Amino acid sequence: MKEQIRQINVKVMDLEEEIQRLHKEKQEILKKDYQYLVGKCLKVGDEMYDLITSLYSVEENDVYTEIKYECIRVEIDMKRHGFEIDSRCYSSIMLTEIPYSTIPRKMFEDKFNECVKLIRDYGKSI
């Protein structure tokens, strides 16, 4: 009886390892499928802009596809006098939102330069 249980446990562990391997394989395939998004620029908030630098996960099911990515984020909030550039930001977006959120690279670069200027000017004022 104990031997049967041990054998079943071994089989369960083998199956769990196989499932994990298959999940990793699926992730690699999905990341390759959406690799074209690397380098895209997105407007993700009122004054928040992302430049996707890499993908770290893609969650896909029958209802939606969520892309999780690493990016350079530029945030300018003139109401709170807040501005920052985060070069290692993590974020996510639904695949269906990408066509509506994509902006030209030039627009991202302009916002980036604007933010650098605001930071520089703020530094001079202290």
C-alpha atoms as a PDB file:
ATOM      1  CA  MET A   1       0.000   0.000   0.000  1.00  0.00           C
ATOM      2  CA  LYS A   2       2.747   2.489   0.960  1.00  0.00           C
ATOM      3  CA  GLU A   3       4.683   1.525  -2.148  1.00  0.00           C
ATOM      4  CA  GLN A   4       1.645   2.267  -4.346  1.00  0.00           C
ATOM      5  CA  ILE A   5       1.249   5.678  -2.741  1.00  0.00           C
ATOM      6  CA  ARG A   6       4.942   6.404  -3.252  1.00  0.00           C
ATOM      7  CA  GLN A   7       4.684   5.404  -6.927  1.00  0.00           C
ATOM      8  CA  ILE A   8       1.632   7.625  -7.365  1.00  0.00           C
ATOM      9  CA  ASN A   9       3.461  10.530  -5.722  1.00  0.00           C
ATOM     10  CA  VAL A  10       6.407  10.028  -8.074  1.00  0.00           C
ATOM     11  CA  LYS A  11       4.038  10.029 -11.071  1.00  0.00           C
ATOM     12  CA  VAL A  12       2.329  13.184  -9.795  1.00  0.00           C
ATOM     13  CA  MET A  13       5.697  14.938  -9.386  1.00  0.00           C
ATOM     14  CA  ASP A  14       6.728  13.872 -12.898  1.00  0.00           C
ATOM     15  CA  LEU A  15       3.464  15.194 -14.316  1.00  0.00           C
ATOM     16  CA  GLU A  16       3.822  18.481 -12.429  1.00  0.00           C
ATOM     17  CA  GLU A  17       7.340  18.897 -13.840  1.00  0.00           C
ATOM     18  CA  GLU A  18       6.027  18.204 -17.334  1.00  0.00           C
ATOM     19  CA  ILE A  19       3.238  20.765 -16.870  1.00  0.00           C
ATOM     20  CA  GLN A  20       5.758  23.382 -15.741  1.00  0.00           C
ATOM     21  CA  ARG A  21       7.997  22.608 -18.708  1.00  0.00           C
ATOM     22  CA  LEU A  22       5.032  22.989 -21.065  1.00  0.00           C
ATOM     23  CA  HIS A  23       4.021  26.296 -19.444  1.00  0.00           C
ATOM     24  CA  LYS A  24       7.564  27.609 -19.948  1.00  0.00           C
ATOM     25  CA  GLU A  25       7.539  26.433 -23.548  1.00  0.00           C
ATOM     26  CA  LYS A  26       4.172  28.123 -24.132  1.00  0.00           C
ATOM     27  CA  GLN A  27       5.516  31.368 -22.602  1.00  0.00           C
ATOM     28  CA  GLU A  28       8.535  31.340 -24.905  1.00  0.00           C
ATOM     29  CA  ILE A  29       6.316  30.807 -27.958  1.00  0.00           C
ATOM     30  CA  LEU A  30       3.928  33.583 -26.896  1.00  0.00           C
ATOM     31  CA  LYS A  31       6.798  35.982 -26.180  1.00  0.00           C
ATOM     32  CA  LYS A  32       8.198  35.287 -29.655  1.00  0.00           C
ATOM     33  CA  ASP A  33       4.749  35.877 -31.205  1.00  0.00           C
ATOM     34  CA  TYR A  34       4.524  39.329 -29.596  1.00  0.00           C
ATOM     35  CA  GLN A  35       8.188  40.291 -29.937  1.00  0.00           C
ATOM     36  CA  TYR A  36       7.161  42.884 -32.545  1.00  0.00           C
ATOM     37  CA  LEU A  37       5.891  45.019 -29.639  1.00  0.00           C
ATOM     38  CA  VAL A  38       9.429  45.647 -28.360  1.00  0.00           C
ATOM     39  CA  GLY A  39      10.308  49.202 -29.371  1.00  0.00           C
ATOM     40  CA  LYS A  40       6.675  50.325 -29.561  1.00  0.00           C
ATOM     41  CA  CYS A  41       5.660  53.476 -27.728  1.00  0.00           C
ATOM     42  CA  LEU A  42       2.404  53.685 -25.796  1.00  0.00           C
ATOM     43  CA  LYS A  43       0.414  56.396 -24.093  1.00  0.00           C
ATOM     44  CA  VAL A  44      -0.778  54.618 -20.948  1.00  0.00           C
ATOM     45  CA  GLY A  45      -2.191  57.536 -18.960  1.00  0.00           C
ATOM     46  CA  ASP A  46      -3.014  61.225 -19.236  1.00  0.00           C
ATOM     47  CA  GLU A  47       0.654  62.179 -19.202  1.00  0.00           C
ATOM     48  CA  MET A  48       2.311  58.774 -18.973  1.00  0.00           C
ATOM     49  CA  TYR A  49       4.266  57.238 -21.842  1.00  0.00           C
ATOM     50  CA  ASP A  50       6.001  53.857 -22.173  1.00  0.00           C
ATOM     51  CA  LEU A  51       8.705  52.632 -24.544  1.00  0.00           C
ATOM     52  CA  ILE A  52       8.596  48.820 -24.426  1.00  0.00           C
ATOM     53  CA  THR A  53      12.106  47.424 -23.971  1.00  0.00           C
ATOM     54  CA  SER A  54      11.295  43.739 -23.406  1.00  0.00           C
ATOM     55  CA  LEU A  55       8.475  41.300 -22.771  1.00  0.00           C
ATOM     56  CA  TYR A  56       8.538  39.199 -19.647  1.00  0.00           C
ATOM     57  CA  SER A  57       5.185  37.429 -19.786  1.00  0.00           C
ATOM     58  CA  VAL A  58       2.129  36.888 -21.947  1.00  0.00           C
ATOM     59  CA  GLU A  59      -1.074  35.669 -20.340  1.00  0.00           C
ATOM     60  CA  GLU A  60      -3.537  34.317 -22.854  1.00  0.00           C
ATOM     61  CA  ASN A  61      -6.928  32.686 -22.455  1.00  0.00           C
ATOM     62  CA  ASP A  62     -10.220  32.519 -24.345  1.00  0.00           C
ATOM     63  CA  VAL A  63     -11.257  36.010 -23.234  1.00  0.00           C
ATOM     64  CA  TYR A  64      -8.137  38.191 -23.391  1.00  0.00           C
ATOM     65  CA  THR A  65      -4.412  38.437 -23.954  1.00  0.00           C
ATOM     66  CA  GLU A  66      -2.394  40.439 -21.448  1.00  0.00           C
ATOM     67  CA  ILE A  67       1.120  41.531 -22.372  1.00  0.00           C
ATOM     68  CA  LYS A  68       3.455  42.173 -19.424  1.00  0.00           C
ATOM     69  CA  TYR A  69       6.503  44.199 -20.323  1.00  0.00           C
ATOM     70  CA  GLU A  70       9.504  46.126 -19.102  1.00  0.00           C
ATOM     71  CA  CYS A  71       9.728  49.693 -20.326  1.00  0.00           C
ATOM     72  CA  ILE A  72      11.131  53.159 -20.054  1.00  0.00           C
ATOM     73  CA  ARG A  73       8.315  55.244 -18.570  1.00  0.00           C
ATOM     74  CA  VAL A  74       8.021  59.002 -18.816  1.00  0.00           C
ATOM     75  CA  GLU A  75       5.522  60.634 -16.492  1.00  0.00           C
ATOM     76  CA  ILE A  76       4.730  64.338 -16.449  1.00  0.00           C
ATOM     77  CA  ASP A  77       2.116  65.570 -13.982  1.00  0.00           C
ATOM     78  CA  MET A  78       2.072  69.349 -14.091  1.00  0.00           C
ATOM     79  CA  LYS A  79      -0.846  69.537 -11.632  1.00  0.00           C
ATOM     80  CA  ARG A  80       1.350  68.064  -8.882  1.00  0.00           C
ATOM     81  CA  HIS A  81       4.619  69.368 -10.359  1.00  0.00           C
ATOM     82  CA  GLY A  82       5.721  65.771 -10.682  1.00  0.00           C
ATOM     83  CA  PHE A  83       7.887  64.434 -13.456  1.00  0.00           C
ATOM     84  CA  GLU A  84      10.044  61.360 -13.686  1.00  0.00           C
ATOM     85  CA  ILE A  85      11.739  58.947 -16.027  1.00  0.00           C
ATOM     86  CA  ASP A  86      11.823  55.334 -14.867  1.00  0.00           C
ATOM     87  CA  SER A  87      14.169  53.222 -16.963  1.00  0.00           C
ATOM     88  CA  ARG A  88      13.170  49.890 -15.375  1.00  0.00           C
ATOM     89  CA  CYS A  89       9.425  50.101 -15.100  1.00  0.00           C
ATOM     90  CA  TYR A  90       7.188  47.039 -15.335  1.00  0.00           C
ATOM     91  CA  SER A  91       3.699  47.315 -16.729  1.00  0.00           C
ATOM     92  CA  SER A  92       1.042  45.437 -18.642  1.00  0.00           C
ATOM     93  CA  ILE A  93      -1.547  46.094 -21.295  1.00  0.00           C
ATOM     94  CA  MET A  94      -4.354  44.150 -22.891  1.00  0.00           C
ATOM     95  CA  LEU A  95      -3.656  43.262 -26.509  1.00  0.00           C
ATOM     96  CA  THR A  96      -6.937  44.910 -27.580  1.00  0.00           C
ATOM     97  CA  GLU A  97      -5.770  48.251 -26.110  1.00  0.00           C
ATOM     98  CA  ILE A  98      -2.512  48.431 -28.071  1.00  0.00           C
ATOM     99  CA  PRO A  99      -3.945  49.888 -31.306  1.00  0.00           C
ATOM    100  CA  TYR A 100      -5.562  52.724 -29.323  1.00  0.00           C
ATOM    101  CA  SER A 101      -2.539  53.358 -27.102  1.00  0.00           C
ATOM    102  CA  THR A 102       0.269  53.250 -29.676  1.00  0.00           C
ATOM    103  CA  ILE A 103       1.938  56.592 -30.328  1.00  0.00           C
ATOM    104  CA  PRO A 104       4.705  57.619 -32.743  1.00  0.00           C
ATOM    105  CA  ARG A 105       8.289  57.277 -31.508  1.00  0.00           C
ATOM    106  CA  LYS A 106       8.752  61.009 -32.096  1.00  0.00           C
ATOM    107  CA  MET A 107       5.974  61.791 -29.613  1.00  0.00           C
ATOM    108  CA  PHE A 108       7.633  59.607 -26.960  1.00  0.00           C
ATOM    109  CA  GLU A 109      11.009  61.248 -27.613  1.00  0.00           C
ATOM    110  CA  ASP A 110       9.446  64.726 -27.355  1.00  0.00           C
ATOM    111  CA  LYS A 111       7.853  63.828 -24.002  1.00  0.00           C
ATOM    112  CA  PHE A 112      11.138  62.289 -22.836  1.00  0.00           C
ATOM    113  CA  ASN A 113      13.032  65.471 -23.753  1.00  0.00           C
ATOM    114  CA  GLU A 114      10.345  67.619 -22.125  1.00  0.00           C
ATOM    115  CA  CYS A 115      10.680  65.610 -18.929  1.00  0.00           C
ATOM    116  CA  VAL A 116      14.488  65.892 -18.967  1.00  0.00           C
ATOM    117  CA  LYS A 117      14.132  69.673 -19.364  1.00  0.00           C
ATOM    118  CA  LEU A 118      11.651  69.863 -16.465  1.00  0.00           C
ATOM    119  CA  ILE A 119      13.977  67.822 -14.250  1.00  0.00           C
ATOM    120  CA  ARG A 120      16.966  69.969 -15.242  1.00  0.00           C
ATOM    121  CA  ASP A 121      15.028  73.213 -14.630  1.00  0.00           C
ATOM    122  CA  TYR A 122      13.785  71.924 -11.282  1.00  0.00           C
ATOM    123  CA  GLY A 123      17.347  71.030 -10.286  1.00  0.00           C
ATOM    124  CA  LYS A 124      18.511  74.546 -11.104  1.00  0.00           C
ATOM    125  CA  SER A 125      15.738  76.070  -8.989  1.00  0.00           C
ATOM    126  CA  ILE A 126      16.764  74.380  -5.740  1.00  0.00           C
END
